[in-house]
N, C-alpha and C. Protein backbone atom coordinates (compact mmCIF):
# COMPACT_ATOMS: atom_id res chain seq x y z
N MET A 1 0.93 32.19 35.39
CA MET A 1 2.36 32.28 34.50
C MET A 1 2.83 33.62 34.47
N LEU A 2 1.73 34.45 34.22
CA LEU A 2 2.66 35.94 33.77
C LEU A 2 2.96 36.46 35.26
N ARG A 3 2.47 36.57 36.54
CA ARG A 3 2.96 36.75 37.45
C ARG A 3 4.49 36.23 37.85
N HIS A 4 4.76 34.94 37.45
CA HIS A 4 6.59 34.32 37.33
C HIS A 4 7.17 34.95 36.24
N ILE A 5 6.73 35.54 35.20
CA ILE A 5 7.47 36.35 33.96
C ILE A 5 7.88 37.82 34.60
N ALA A 6 6.76 38.13 35.17
CA ALA A 6 6.40 39.43 35.88
C ALA A 6 7.63 39.90 37.05
N ARG A 7 7.49 39.10 38.08
CA ARG A 7 8.78 38.70 38.61
C ARG A 7 10.10 38.93 38.30
N THR A 8 10.37 37.52 36.89
CA THR A 8 11.75 38.12 36.47
C THR A 8 12.32 39.43 36.08
N LEU A 9 11.41 39.72 35.51
CA LEU A 9 11.40 40.90 34.73
C LEU A 9 11.70 42.38 35.61
N GLY A 10 11.26 42.21 36.88
CA GLY A 10 11.14 43.20 37.74
C GLY A 10 9.88 44.26 38.15
N ALA A 11 8.79 43.75 37.09
CA ALA A 11 7.60 44.68 37.10
C ALA A 11 6.64 44.26 38.69
N ASN A 12 7.21 45.19 39.66
CA ASN A 12 6.78 44.85 41.15
C ASN A 12 5.34 45.04 41.20
N GLU A 13 4.87 46.06 40.47
CA GLU A 13 3.19 46.81 40.61
C GLU A 13 2.44 45.09 40.23
N PHE A 14 2.67 44.78 39.16
CA PHE A 14 2.40 43.46 38.41
C PHE A 14 2.13 42.16 38.96
N THR A 15 3.83 41.93 39.63
CA THR A 15 3.75 41.01 40.74
C THR A 15 2.73 41.05 41.91
N ARG A 16 2.75 41.95 42.82
CA ARG A 16 2.24 42.20 43.68
C ARG A 16 0.73 42.60 43.75
N GLU A 17 0.30 42.70 42.51
CA GLU A 17 -1.31 42.88 42.46
C GLU A 17 -1.99 42.95 43.23
N THR A 18 -1.34 44.56 43.80
CA THR A 18 -2.17 45.32 44.71
C THR A 18 -3.20 46.22 43.85
N ALA A 19 -3.15 46.42 42.75
CA ALA A 19 -3.99 47.55 42.04
C ALA A 19 -4.41 46.85 40.92
N LEU A 20 -4.09 45.77 40.82
CA LEU A 20 -4.50 44.72 39.67
C LEU A 20 -5.65 43.68 39.93
N VAL A 21 -6.58 43.76 38.57
CA VAL A 21 -8.05 42.90 38.96
C VAL A 21 -7.54 42.39 37.82
N THR A 22 -7.72 40.63 38.01
CA THR A 22 -7.63 39.86 36.64
C THR A 22 -9.04 39.55 36.13
N VAL A 23 -9.78 39.49 35.38
CA VAL A 23 -11.10 39.22 34.89
C VAL A 23 -11.17 38.38 33.47
N PRO A 24 -11.03 36.96 33.88
CA PRO A 24 -10.97 36.02 33.12
C PRO A 24 -12.29 36.18 32.02
N LEU A 25 -12.39 35.97 30.60
CA LEU A 25 -13.07 36.63 29.84
C LEU A 25 -13.82 35.01 29.04
N ARG A 26 -12.63 33.79 29.50
CA ARG A 26 -12.89 32.62 29.03
C ARG A 26 -13.24 32.47 27.81
N GLY A 27 -12.51 32.80 26.46
CA GLY A 27 -12.66 32.50 25.36
C GLY A 27 -12.79 33.64 24.59
N PHE A 28 -11.80 34.09 23.41
CA PHE A 28 -11.53 35.27 22.47
C PHE A 28 -12.97 35.60 22.21
N SER A 29 -13.65 34.88 21.91
CA SER A 29 -15.07 34.86 21.15
C SER A 29 -16.25 36.23 22.29
N ASN A 30 -15.68 35.94 23.61
CA ASN A 30 -16.16 36.64 24.80
C ASN A 30 -15.79 38.46 24.81
N TRP A 31 -14.54 38.61 23.66
CA TRP A 31 -14.44 39.81 23.88
C TRP A 31 -15.39 41.01 24.41
N GLU A 32 -16.62 40.63 23.43
CA GLU A 32 -17.50 41.93 23.11
C GLU A 32 -18.22 42.27 24.51
N HIS A 33 -17.75 41.51 25.65
CA HIS A 33 -18.25 41.83 26.61
C HIS A 33 -17.68 42.79 27.25
N VAL A 34 -16.29 43.30 26.69
CA VAL A 34 -15.56 44.60 27.04
C VAL A 34 -15.98 45.69 26.86
N GLU A 35 -17.05 45.75 25.80
CA GLU A 35 -17.40 46.97 25.46
C GLU A 35 -18.42 47.86 26.53
N PRO A 36 -19.56 46.84 26.76
CA PRO A 36 -20.64 47.55 28.13
C PRO A 36 -19.44 47.63 29.18
N PHE A 37 -18.45 46.80 29.44
CA PHE A 37 -17.51 47.44 30.72
C PHE A 37 -16.81 48.55 30.22
N SER A 38 -16.38 49.01 29.32
CA SER A 38 -15.68 50.23 29.17
C SER A 38 -16.47 51.29 29.57
N TRP A 39 -17.75 51.27 28.99
CA TRP A 39 -18.98 52.42 29.14
C TRP A 39 -18.89 52.32 31.00
N LEU A 40 -19.01 51.41 31.56
CA LEU A 40 -19.14 51.08 32.95
C LEU A 40 -17.50 52.29 33.90
N VAL A 41 -16.92 52.11 32.92
CA VAL A 41 -15.30 52.48 33.36
C VAL A 41 -15.36 53.95 33.42
N ARG A 42 -15.63 54.27 32.33
CA ARG A 42 -15.54 55.47 31.71
C ARG A 42 -17.07 56.42 31.80
N ASP A 43 -18.10 56.18 32.28
CA ASP A 43 -19.54 57.08 32.62
C ASP A 43 -19.29 56.76 34.24
N LEU A 44 -19.23 55.82 34.64
CA LEU A 44 -19.90 55.94 36.13
C LEU A 44 -18.20 55.52 36.81
N LEU A 45 -17.70 54.94 36.35
CA LEU A 45 -16.26 55.08 37.54
C LEU A 45 -15.31 56.02 37.28
N GLU A 46 -15.65 57.27 35.85
CA GLU A 46 -15.15 58.52 35.52
C GLU A 46 -13.58 57.78 35.13
N ASP A 47 -13.15 57.09 34.57
CA ASP A 47 -12.00 56.38 33.81
C ASP A 47 -10.90 56.23 34.91
N SER A 48 -11.54 55.90 36.39
CA SER A 48 -10.16 55.61 37.53
C SER A 48 -9.97 54.24 37.20
N VAL A 49 -10.35 53.50 36.39
CA VAL A 49 -9.89 52.02 36.17
C VAL A 49 -9.35 52.14 34.66
N ARG A 50 -8.27 51.59 34.84
CA ARG A 50 -7.67 51.39 33.05
C ARG A 50 -8.15 49.95 32.71
N VAL A 51 -8.00 49.69 31.45
CA VAL A 51 -8.22 47.93 31.13
C VAL A 51 -7.51 48.01 29.83
N LEU A 52 -6.92 46.50 30.07
CA LEU A 52 -5.99 46.34 29.45
C LEU A 52 -6.53 44.82 28.94
N VAL A 53 -6.88 44.27 27.63
CA VAL A 53 -7.50 43.41 27.41
C VAL A 53 -6.46 42.14 26.55
N VAL A 54 -6.12 40.96 27.26
CA VAL A 54 -4.75 39.89 26.61
C VAL A 54 -5.56 38.69 26.06
N LEU A 55 -5.62 38.66 24.71
CA LEU A 55 -6.36 37.48 24.51
C LEU A 55 -5.31 36.69 23.74
N ASP A 56 -5.87 35.03 23.23
CA ASP A 56 -4.89 34.21 22.62
C ASP A 56 -5.49 34.24 21.53
N ARG A 57 -4.47 34.51 20.55
CA ARG A 57 -4.94 34.39 19.10
C ARG A 57 -5.35 33.02 18.10
N ASP A 58 -5.37 31.76 19.18
CA ASP A 58 -5.94 30.71 18.83
C ASP A 58 -5.88 30.42 17.30
N TYR A 59 -6.78 30.31 16.17
CA TYR A 59 -6.53 30.15 15.00
C TYR A 59 -6.79 30.72 13.93
N ARG A 60 -6.91 32.41 14.66
CA ARG A 60 -7.83 33.68 14.04
C ARG A 60 -6.76 33.83 13.21
N THR A 61 -7.34 34.53 12.17
CA THR A 61 -6.64 34.99 11.01
C THR A 61 -6.20 36.87 11.22
N PRO A 62 -5.01 37.08 11.02
CA PRO A 62 -4.56 38.53 11.15
C PRO A 62 -6.09 39.59 10.97
N ARG A 63 -6.48 39.11 10.12
CA ARG A 63 -7.67 40.45 9.46
C ARG A 63 -8.91 40.21 10.89
N GLN A 64 -9.11 39.11 11.42
CA GLN A 64 -9.79 39.05 12.56
C GLN A 64 -9.30 39.39 13.69
N CYS A 65 -8.12 39.63 14.21
CA CYS A 65 -7.22 40.14 15.15
C CYS A 65 -7.42 42.00 14.98
N GLU A 66 -6.99 42.10 14.17
CA GLU A 66 -7.28 43.20 14.08
C GLU A 66 -8.35 43.97 13.95
N ALA A 67 -9.69 43.19 13.60
CA ALA A 67 -10.95 44.04 13.60
C ALA A 67 -11.04 44.30 15.27
N VAL A 68 -10.75 43.39 15.65
CA VAL A 68 -11.26 43.19 17.31
C VAL A 68 -10.40 44.15 17.83
N ARG A 69 -9.18 44.31 17.56
CA ARG A 69 -8.41 45.21 18.39
C ARG A 69 -8.64 47.16 18.15
N THR A 70 -9.32 47.18 16.82
CA THR A 70 -10.05 48.12 16.59
C THR A 70 -11.15 48.40 17.28
N ARG A 71 -11.96 47.75 17.17
CA ARG A 71 -13.85 47.73 18.10
C ARG A 71 -12.94 48.49 19.40
N LEU A 72 -11.97 47.78 19.76
CA LEU A 72 -11.61 48.05 21.37
C LEU A 72 -11.08 49.08 21.63
N ARG A 73 -10.14 49.39 20.61
CA ARG A 73 -9.74 50.32 20.71
C ARG A 73 -10.38 51.70 20.55
N ASP A 74 -11.52 51.73 19.84
CA ASP A 74 -13.00 52.80 19.35
C ASP A 74 -13.19 53.31 20.93
N VAL A 75 -13.37 52.12 21.63
CA VAL A 75 -14.05 52.13 23.17
C VAL A 75 -13.06 52.60 24.01
N GLY A 76 -11.89 53.01 23.78
CA GLY A 76 -10.76 53.49 24.48
C GLY A 76 -10.30 52.29 25.12
N VAL A 77 -10.41 51.33 24.84
CA VAL A 77 -9.70 49.73 25.57
C VAL A 77 -8.51 49.32 24.74
N ASP A 78 -7.41 49.43 25.47
CA ASP A 78 -5.86 48.71 25.12
C ASP A 78 -6.43 47.32 24.94
N CYS A 79 -5.90 46.65 23.81
CA CYS A 79 -5.92 45.23 23.56
C CYS A 79 -4.46 44.89 22.87
N HIS A 80 -4.57 43.33 23.11
CA HIS A 80 -3.29 42.73 22.67
C HIS A 80 -3.68 41.17 22.53
N VAL A 81 -3.51 40.83 21.22
CA VAL A 81 -3.80 39.63 20.88
C VAL A 81 -2.24 38.91 20.64
N TRP A 82 -1.94 38.00 21.35
CA TRP A 82 -0.51 37.34 21.19
C TRP A 82 -0.50 36.83 19.54
N HIS A 83 0.46 36.93 19.48
CA HIS A 83 1.17 36.91 17.98
C HIS A 83 1.03 35.09 17.85
N ARG A 84 1.75 34.48 18.47
CA ARG A 84 1.63 33.04 19.01
C ARG A 84 0.42 32.23 18.97
N LYS A 85 -0.21 31.35 18.97
CA LYS A 85 -1.08 30.73 19.54
C LYS A 85 -1.86 30.81 20.65
N GLU A 86 -1.11 31.02 21.43
CA GLU A 86 -1.78 30.88 23.01
C GLU A 86 -0.58 31.51 24.17
N LEU A 87 -0.90 31.66 25.16
CA LEU A 87 0.12 32.12 26.35
C LEU A 87 1.09 31.26 26.41
N GLU A 88 0.54 29.82 26.50
CA GLU A 88 1.42 28.84 26.73
C GLU A 88 2.62 28.72 25.86
N SER A 89 2.35 28.95 24.52
CA SER A 89 3.21 29.07 23.40
C SER A 89 4.29 29.95 23.59
N TYR A 90 4.37 30.59 24.32
CA TYR A 90 5.90 31.49 24.70
C TYR A 90 6.46 30.69 25.95
N LEU A 91 6.48 30.03 26.32
CA LEU A 91 6.85 28.91 27.45
C LEU A 91 7.64 27.72 26.76
N LEU A 92 7.30 27.78 25.16
CA LEU A 92 7.93 26.61 24.63
C LEU A 92 9.54 26.68 24.09
N GLU A 93 10.33 27.16 25.21
CA GLU A 93 11.48 27.39 25.02
C GLU A 93 12.47 26.13 25.15
N PRO A 94 13.28 25.94 23.94
CA PRO A 94 13.96 24.92 24.46
C PRO A 94 15.16 24.67 25.45
N ALA A 95 15.80 26.32 25.36
CA ALA A 95 16.62 26.33 26.08
C ALA A 95 15.94 25.94 27.90
N VAL A 96 15.31 26.61 27.86
CA VAL A 96 14.62 26.36 29.24
C VAL A 96 14.30 24.94 29.83
N ILE A 97 13.48 24.58 28.79
CA ILE A 97 13.29 23.18 29.04
C ILE A 97 14.10 22.07 29.31
N GLY A 98 15.08 22.33 28.23
CA GLY A 98 16.27 21.34 28.83
C GLY A 98 17.13 22.13 29.71
N ARG A 99 17.09 22.87 30.30
CA ARG A 99 17.96 23.32 31.68
C ARG A 99 16.96 22.46 32.78
N ILE A 100 15.86 22.48 32.45
CA ILE A 100 14.95 22.11 33.61
C ILE A 100 15.18 20.43 33.95
N VAL A 101 15.18 19.75 32.52
CA VAL A 101 14.82 18.13 32.47
C VAL A 101 16.44 17.71 32.61
N GLY A 102 17.48 18.27 31.91
CA GLY A 102 18.81 17.94 32.02
C GLY A 102 19.19 17.72 30.53
N ALA A 103 18.64 18.08 29.33
CA ALA A 103 18.44 17.89 28.28
C ALA A 103 19.07 18.76 27.38
N THR A 104 19.81 18.48 26.54
CA THR A 104 19.81 19.77 25.54
C THR A 104 19.22 20.48 25.15
N ALA A 105 19.41 21.65 24.63
CA ALA A 105 18.20 22.37 23.90
C ALA A 105 18.06 21.87 22.49
N ASP A 106 18.84 21.52 21.81
CA ASP A 106 19.21 21.10 20.28
C ASP A 106 18.16 19.85 20.74
N ALA A 107 18.23 18.92 21.56
CA ALA A 107 17.39 17.38 21.69
C ALA A 107 15.61 18.04 21.85
N VAL A 108 15.88 19.19 22.65
CA VAL A 108 14.34 19.19 23.21
C VAL A 108 13.52 20.16 21.65
N ARG A 109 14.39 20.98 21.22
CA ARG A 109 13.84 21.46 19.87
C ARG A 109 13.28 20.48 18.71
N THR A 110 14.10 19.47 18.59
CA THR A 110 14.00 18.43 17.51
C THR A 110 12.80 17.89 18.26
N ALA A 111 12.72 17.63 19.39
CA ALA A 111 11.30 16.80 19.51
C ALA A 111 10.24 17.64 19.61
N LEU A 112 10.29 18.87 20.34
CA LEU A 112 8.91 19.80 19.41
C LEU A 112 8.60 19.80 18.34
N LEU A 113 9.41 19.61 17.22
CA LEU A 113 9.35 20.01 15.95
C LEU A 113 8.25 18.51 15.52
N GLN A 114 9.08 17.33 16.06
CA GLN A 114 8.48 16.48 15.71
C GLN A 114 6.78 16.22 16.39
N CYS A 115 6.71 16.71 17.53
CA CYS A 115 5.45 16.98 18.27
C CYS A 115 4.66 17.81 17.22
N ALA A 116 5.25 19.00 16.92
CA ALA A 116 4.43 20.12 16.10
C ALA A 116 3.87 19.17 14.73
N GLU A 117 4.85 18.37 14.19
CA GLU A 117 4.32 17.99 12.84
C GLU A 117 3.25 16.98 12.94
N GLU A 118 2.94 16.14 14.01
CA GLU A 118 1.86 15.35 14.31
C GLU A 118 0.49 16.46 14.29
N GLN A 119 0.58 17.22 14.30
CA GLN A 119 -0.54 18.78 14.57
C GLN A 119 -0.68 19.51 12.97
N LYS A 120 0.33 19.15 12.37
CA LYS A 120 -0.22 20.03 11.21
C LYS A 120 -1.44 19.62 10.43
N ALA A 121 -1.62 18.64 10.34
CA ALA A 121 -3.26 18.52 9.58
C ALA A 121 -4.66 19.29 10.50
N ALA A 122 -4.26 19.37 11.79
CA ALA A 122 -5.06 19.91 12.53
C ALA A 122 -5.31 21.48 12.59
N VAL A 123 -3.84 21.70 12.45
CA VAL A 123 -3.81 23.62 12.57
C VAL A 123 -4.18 23.98 11.01
N PHE A 124 -3.68 23.12 10.31
CA PHE A 124 -4.28 23.30 8.62
C PHE A 124 -6.11 23.74 8.92
N ALA A 125 -6.52 22.83 9.39
CA ALA A 125 -7.98 22.34 9.40
C ALA A 125 -8.86 23.32 10.42
N ARG A 126 -8.24 23.76 11.52
CA ARG A 126 -8.53 24.75 12.27
C ARG A 126 -8.33 26.61 11.65
N GLN A 127 -7.05 26.28 11.21
CA GLN A 127 -7.14 27.85 10.83
C GLN A 127 -7.96 27.83 9.36
N LEU A 128 -8.09 27.00 8.75
CA LEU A 128 -9.19 27.20 7.51
C LEU A 128 -10.79 27.12 8.09
N ALA A 129 -10.87 26.70 9.08
CA ALA A 129 -12.25 26.91 9.36
C ALA A 129 -12.40 28.15 9.73
N GLU A 130 -11.79 28.76 10.66
CA GLU A 130 -11.94 30.13 11.06
C GLU A 130 -11.74 30.93 9.61
N ARG A 131 -11.02 30.89 8.98
CA ARG A 131 -10.77 31.71 7.60
C ARG A 131 -11.93 31.74 6.81
N ALA A 132 -12.54 30.44 6.72
CA ALA A 132 -13.95 30.46 5.83
C ALA A 132 -14.89 31.18 6.80
N ALA A 133 -14.67 31.11 7.68
CA ALA A 133 -16.30 31.58 8.39
C ALA A 133 -16.27 33.08 8.10
N THR A 134 -15.56 34.03 7.64
CA THR A 134 -15.09 34.98 7.32
C THR A 134 -15.17 35.48 5.88
N GLU A 135 -14.60 34.74 5.41
CA GLU A 135 -13.96 35.36 4.32
C GLU A 135 -14.62 34.34 2.94
N VAL A 136 -15.87 32.97 3.52
CA VAL A 136 -16.66 32.52 1.95
C VAL A 136 -17.75 33.84 2.09
N THR A 137 -17.84 34.07 0.76
CA THR A 137 -19.44 34.54 0.69
C THR A 137 -19.93 34.59 -0.49
N ALA A 138 -21.00 35.47 -0.89
CA ALA A 138 -21.32 34.75 -2.18
C ALA A 138 -20.94 35.13 -3.38
N ARG A 139 -19.84 36.11 -3.47
CA ARG A 139 -18.90 36.47 -4.05
C ARG A 139 -17.35 35.61 -4.61
N ARG A 140 -17.18 35.01 -2.93
CA ARG A 140 -15.60 34.42 -3.04
C ARG A 140 -16.36 32.64 -2.59
N HIS A 141 -15.61 31.76 -3.66
CA HIS A 141 -16.41 30.61 -3.45
C HIS A 141 -15.33 30.08 -1.93
N ALA A 142 -15.64 29.08 -1.47
CA ALA A 142 -14.60 28.20 -0.61
C ALA A 142 -13.66 27.69 -1.12
N VAL A 143 -13.72 27.46 -2.78
CA VAL A 143 -12.56 26.69 -3.04
C VAL A 143 -11.34 27.84 -3.04
N ASN A 144 -11.66 29.04 -3.22
CA ASN A 144 -10.89 30.04 -3.83
C ASN A 144 -10.04 30.21 -2.11
N VAL A 145 -11.09 30.41 -1.07
CA VAL A 145 -10.53 30.51 0.18
C VAL A 145 -9.72 29.53 0.46
N THR A 146 -9.75 28.26 0.12
CA THR A 146 -9.06 27.22 0.39
C THR A 146 -7.84 26.90 -0.19
N GLU A 147 -7.80 27.41 -1.62
CA GLU A 147 -6.79 27.72 -2.35
C GLU A 147 -5.45 28.43 -1.58
N ALA A 148 -6.35 29.74 -1.37
CA ALA A 148 -5.52 30.59 -0.67
C ALA A 148 -4.81 30.52 0.89
N HIS A 149 -5.77 29.94 1.43
CA HIS A 149 -5.23 29.48 2.74
C HIS A 149 -3.90 28.61 2.28
N GLN A 150 -4.29 27.46 1.41
CA GLN A 150 -3.36 26.42 1.41
C GLN A 150 -1.71 27.25 1.21
N ARG A 151 -1.60 28.28 0.28
CA ARG A 151 -0.57 28.89 0.01
C ARG A 151 -0.09 29.26 1.35
N ASP A 152 -0.65 30.18 2.10
CA ASP A 152 -0.57 31.41 3.46
C ASP A 152 0.37 30.40 4.41
N PHE A 153 -0.65 29.32 4.41
CA PHE A 153 -0.06 27.83 5.46
C PHE A 153 0.95 27.40 5.08
N ASP A 154 1.23 26.92 4.17
CA ASP A 154 2.39 26.70 3.57
C ASP A 154 4.03 27.33 3.69
N LYS A 155 3.51 28.72 3.54
CA LYS A 155 4.51 29.69 3.59
C LYS A 155 5.09 29.76 5.50
N ALA A 156 3.91 29.58 6.12
CA ALA A 156 4.12 29.76 7.56
C ALA A 156 4.76 28.74 8.27
N TRP A 157 4.51 27.68 7.40
CA TRP A 157 4.98 26.65 8.13
C TRP A 157 6.41 26.18 7.89
N ARG A 158 6.64 26.35 6.56
CA ARG A 158 7.91 26.64 6.06
C ARG A 158 9.05 27.25 7.09
N SER A 159 8.63 27.97 8.20
CA SER A 159 9.49 28.97 9.34
C SER A 159 10.08 28.01 10.14
N VAL A 160 10.63 26.49 10.13
CA VAL A 160 10.74 25.79 11.16
C VAL A 160 10.64 26.08 12.29
N ASP A 161 11.22 27.63 12.86
CA ASP A 161 11.42 27.82 14.56
C ASP A 161 10.25 28.06 14.56
N ASP A 162 9.30 28.60 14.07
CA ASP A 162 8.29 29.06 13.99
C ASP A 162 6.75 28.28 14.43
N ARG A 163 6.76 26.75 14.06
CA ARG A 163 5.82 25.86 13.78
C ARG A 163 5.18 25.07 15.45
N PRO A 164 6.13 25.24 16.16
CA PRO A 164 5.47 24.64 17.55
C PRO A 164 4.25 25.75 17.85
N TYR A 165 4.65 27.30 17.35
CA TYR A 165 3.88 28.27 17.93
C TYR A 165 2.51 28.44 17.25
N LEU A 166 2.49 27.51 16.50
CA LEU A 166 1.08 27.69 15.18
C LEU A 166 0.34 26.46 15.97
N CYS A 167 0.97 25.68 17.08
CA CYS A 167 0.13 24.38 17.64
C CYS A 167 -0.66 24.52 18.66
N ASN A 168 -1.45 23.54 19.22
CA ASN A 168 -1.81 23.88 20.24
C ASN A 168 -0.86 23.83 21.11
N ALA A 169 -0.62 24.81 22.10
CA ALA A 169 0.69 24.64 23.10
C ALA A 169 0.37 23.95 24.29
N LYS A 170 -0.58 23.25 24.52
CA LYS A 170 -1.01 22.77 25.90
C LYS A 170 -0.93 20.79 25.23
N THR A 171 -1.54 20.82 24.15
CA THR A 171 -1.20 19.49 23.39
C THR A 171 0.58 19.10 22.91
N LEU A 172 0.84 20.38 22.85
CA LEU A 172 2.37 20.32 22.55
C LEU A 172 3.16 19.70 23.77
N LEU A 173 3.29 20.55 24.51
CA LEU A 173 3.68 20.12 26.30
C LEU A 173 3.19 18.96 26.64
N SER A 174 2.07 18.26 26.10
CA SER A 174 1.85 16.97 26.81
C SER A 174 2.53 15.88 25.75
N SER A 175 2.57 15.75 24.66
CA SER A 175 3.33 15.31 23.28
C SER A 175 4.95 15.32 23.79
N LEU A 176 5.35 16.32 24.37
CA LEU A 176 6.70 16.49 24.81
C LEU A 176 7.05 16.04 25.86
N ASN A 177 6.37 15.89 26.93
CA ASN A 177 6.42 15.10 28.26
C ASN A 177 6.54 13.66 27.70
N GLN A 178 5.40 13.22 27.02
CA GLN A 178 5.66 12.10 26.75
C GLN A 178 7.16 11.41 25.97
N TRP A 179 7.52 12.46 24.88
CA TRP A 179 9.00 12.19 24.80
C TRP A 179 10.24 12.18 25.73
N LEU A 180 9.55 12.90 26.44
CA LEU A 180 10.69 13.47 27.34
C LEU A 180 10.77 12.01 28.75
N THR A 181 9.66 11.82 29.43
CA THR A 181 9.75 10.58 30.27
C THR A 181 10.12 9.03 29.21
N SER A 182 9.68 9.08 28.31
CA SER A 182 9.90 7.42 27.18
C SER A 182 11.61 7.46 27.35
N ASN A 183 12.05 8.75 27.57
CA ASN A 183 13.84 8.76 27.06
C ASN A 183 14.55 9.54 28.69
N GLU A 184 13.52 8.81 29.61
CA GLU A 184 14.42 9.01 31.03
C GLU A 184 14.64 10.47 31.82
N TYR A 185 14.05 11.40 31.14
CA TYR A 185 13.61 12.87 31.30
C TYR A 185 12.72 12.82 32.57
N ARG A 186 12.68 13.85 33.00
CA ARG A 186 11.37 14.21 33.75
C ARG A 186 10.17 15.07 32.96
N ALA A 187 8.63 15.09 33.62
CA ALA A 187 7.95 15.89 32.62
C ALA A 187 8.42 17.33 33.65
N VAL A 188 8.15 18.37 32.44
CA VAL A 188 7.90 19.41 32.82
C VAL A 188 6.28 20.56 32.75
N GLY A 189 6.05 21.02 33.69
CA GLY A 189 4.84 22.60 33.59
C GLY A 189 5.40 23.31 33.24
N ALA A 190 3.82 24.02 32.70
CA ALA A 190 3.92 25.13 32.23
C ALA A 190 4.77 26.31 33.36
N ASP A 191 3.83 26.25 35.01
CA ASP A 191 4.41 26.74 35.61
C ASP A 191 6.01 26.77 35.93
N GLN A 192 6.04 25.80 35.88
CA GLN A 192 7.55 25.35 36.28
C GLN A 192 8.76 26.19 35.30
N ILE A 193 8.12 26.15 33.83
CA ILE A 193 8.98 27.02 32.77
C ILE A 193 9.12 28.23 32.97
N ALA A 194 7.89 28.72 33.27
CA ALA A 194 7.76 30.38 33.77
C ALA A 194 8.43 30.66 34.80
N ARG A 195 8.44 29.92 35.69
CA ARG A 195 9.35 30.22 37.08
C ARG A 195 10.82 30.27 36.80
N LYS A 196 11.22 29.30 35.95
CA LYS A 196 12.94 29.25 35.41
C LYS A 196 13.46 29.95 34.44
N MET A 197 12.43 30.81 33.77
CA MET A 197 12.86 31.47 32.63
C MET A 197 13.58 33.01 33.16
N THR A 198 14.85 32.82 32.68
CA THR A 198 15.86 34.14 33.01
C THR A 198 15.58 35.36 32.14
N ASN A 199 15.47 36.70 32.95
CA ASN A 199 15.32 37.58 31.91
C ASN A 199 15.59 37.65 30.24
N ASP A 200 16.57 37.29 30.33
CA ASP A 200 17.19 37.25 28.42
C ASP A 200 15.91 35.78 28.12
N GLU A 201 15.65 35.26 28.44
CA GLU A 201 15.16 33.80 27.86
C GLU A 201 13.46 34.78 27.68
N VAL A 202 12.44 35.48 28.16
CA VAL A 202 11.48 36.18 27.97
C VAL A 202 11.48 36.51 26.49
N PRO A 203 10.34 35.86 25.82
CA PRO A 203 10.19 36.10 24.58
C PRO A 203 9.42 37.86 24.60
N GLU A 204 10.03 38.98 23.75
CA GLU A 204 9.82 40.64 23.72
C GLU A 204 8.66 40.48 23.36
N GLU A 205 7.79 40.00 22.93
CA GLU A 205 6.34 40.32 22.91
C GLU A 205 5.69 40.09 24.64
N MET A 206 6.33 39.42 25.34
CA MET A 206 5.88 39.30 26.86
C MET A 206 6.07 40.15 27.65
N VAL A 207 7.44 40.35 27.13
CA VAL A 207 8.29 41.57 28.04
C VAL A 207 7.09 42.93 27.52
N GLN A 208 6.87 43.29 26.26
CA GLN A 208 5.99 44.26 26.13
C GLN A 208 4.67 44.58 26.59
N VAL A 209 3.72 43.35 26.77
CA VAL A 209 2.51 43.13 27.44
C VAL A 209 2.82 43.64 28.96
N ILE A 210 3.82 43.01 29.52
CA ILE A 210 3.81 42.89 30.97
C ILE A 210 4.20 44.91 31.19
N ASN A 211 5.31 45.21 30.61
CA ASN A 211 5.48 46.38 30.73
C ASN A 211 4.52 47.18 30.27
N ALA A 212 3.52 47.32 29.35
CA ALA A 212 2.13 47.77 29.46
C ALA A 212 1.59 48.12 30.30
N ALA A 213 1.06 46.68 31.14
CA ALA A 213 0.50 46.48 32.43
C ALA A 213 1.25 47.40 33.56
N GLU A 214 2.34 46.68 33.55
CA GLU A 214 3.05 47.68 34.62
C GLU A 214 3.03 49.18 34.47
N ALA A 215 2.86 49.83 33.11
CA ALA A 215 2.89 50.99 32.97
C ALA A 215 1.91 52.04 33.83
N LEU A 216 0.51 50.86 33.48
CA LEU A 216 -0.79 51.45 33.75
C LEU A 216 -0.76 51.42 35.16
N LEU A 217 -0.05 50.51 35.78
CA LEU A 217 -0.51 50.39 37.39
C LEU A 217 0.49 51.66 38.04
N ASN A 218 1.82 51.63 37.43
CA ASN A 218 2.60 53.18 38.11
C ASN A 218 1.88 54.07 37.89
N ARG A 219 0.99 54.49 36.65
CA ARG A 219 0.42 55.65 36.51
C ARG A 219 -0.63 55.85 37.33
N ARG A 220 -1.34 54.72 38.01
CA ARG A 220 -2.62 54.89 39.12
C ARG A 220 -1.58 55.22 40.24
N ALA A 221 -0.59 54.31 40.94
CA ALA A 221 -0.11 54.58 41.70
C ALA A 221 0.43 55.91 41.76
N GLY A 222 1.12 56.42 40.63
CA GLY A 222 1.34 58.17 40.67
C GLY A 222 0.46 58.81 40.80
N SER A 223 -0.70 58.78 40.48
CA SER A 223 -1.64 59.53 40.60
C SER A 223 -2.81 59.80 41.86
N GLY A 224 -2.56 58.76 43.02
CA GLY A 224 -2.85 58.63 44.15
C GLY A 224 -4.24 58.04 44.15
N HIS A 225 -4.59 57.49 43.50
CA HIS A 225 -5.99 56.85 43.09
C HIS A 225 -5.64 55.34 43.30
């Protein structure tokens, strides 16, 4: 998906992948595997390889995400945690989806919000579970954490345009496809959306991450290594 977006943005080194190796971490919780790899790069490969870690946020709190970024920064590894729940969250663009299937952007946006509403309780519960895992202590009762999370969640959910980005994007896209097909539109996939995005439709955060990777690749090409 990122390669499709990179091609749209003109990030040629990223698109060709001639000096790029993608290593799946298979989950946010496996980020710690990067630390020994960083040692390998620094001490054995003499910094001839640069590492950029990109993680799905899932349901984690800003504090949890910052803790990971700090740990990796301390060992010389660049890290980006998506602000939205996951990579596919950046493809939930009503205008792009509408153009692909022949529906209006407003109709797709309304359907996405309806699908997001179905996930509201699940999103609340998953976020609370993540928060409780790190914030409930002998000095701070679970009730206090739950009350604080309820306030924070209500505030975030009031931002109507951002609601879909808090949800499981794969489930959301599946629900949207059910709505599309029931209204005589064709279903749409994440790869298809990524291919059809125009330069101006790519979310700014995705632009920044791809440009950061492209800069690392261009630096490598310029050094002759």
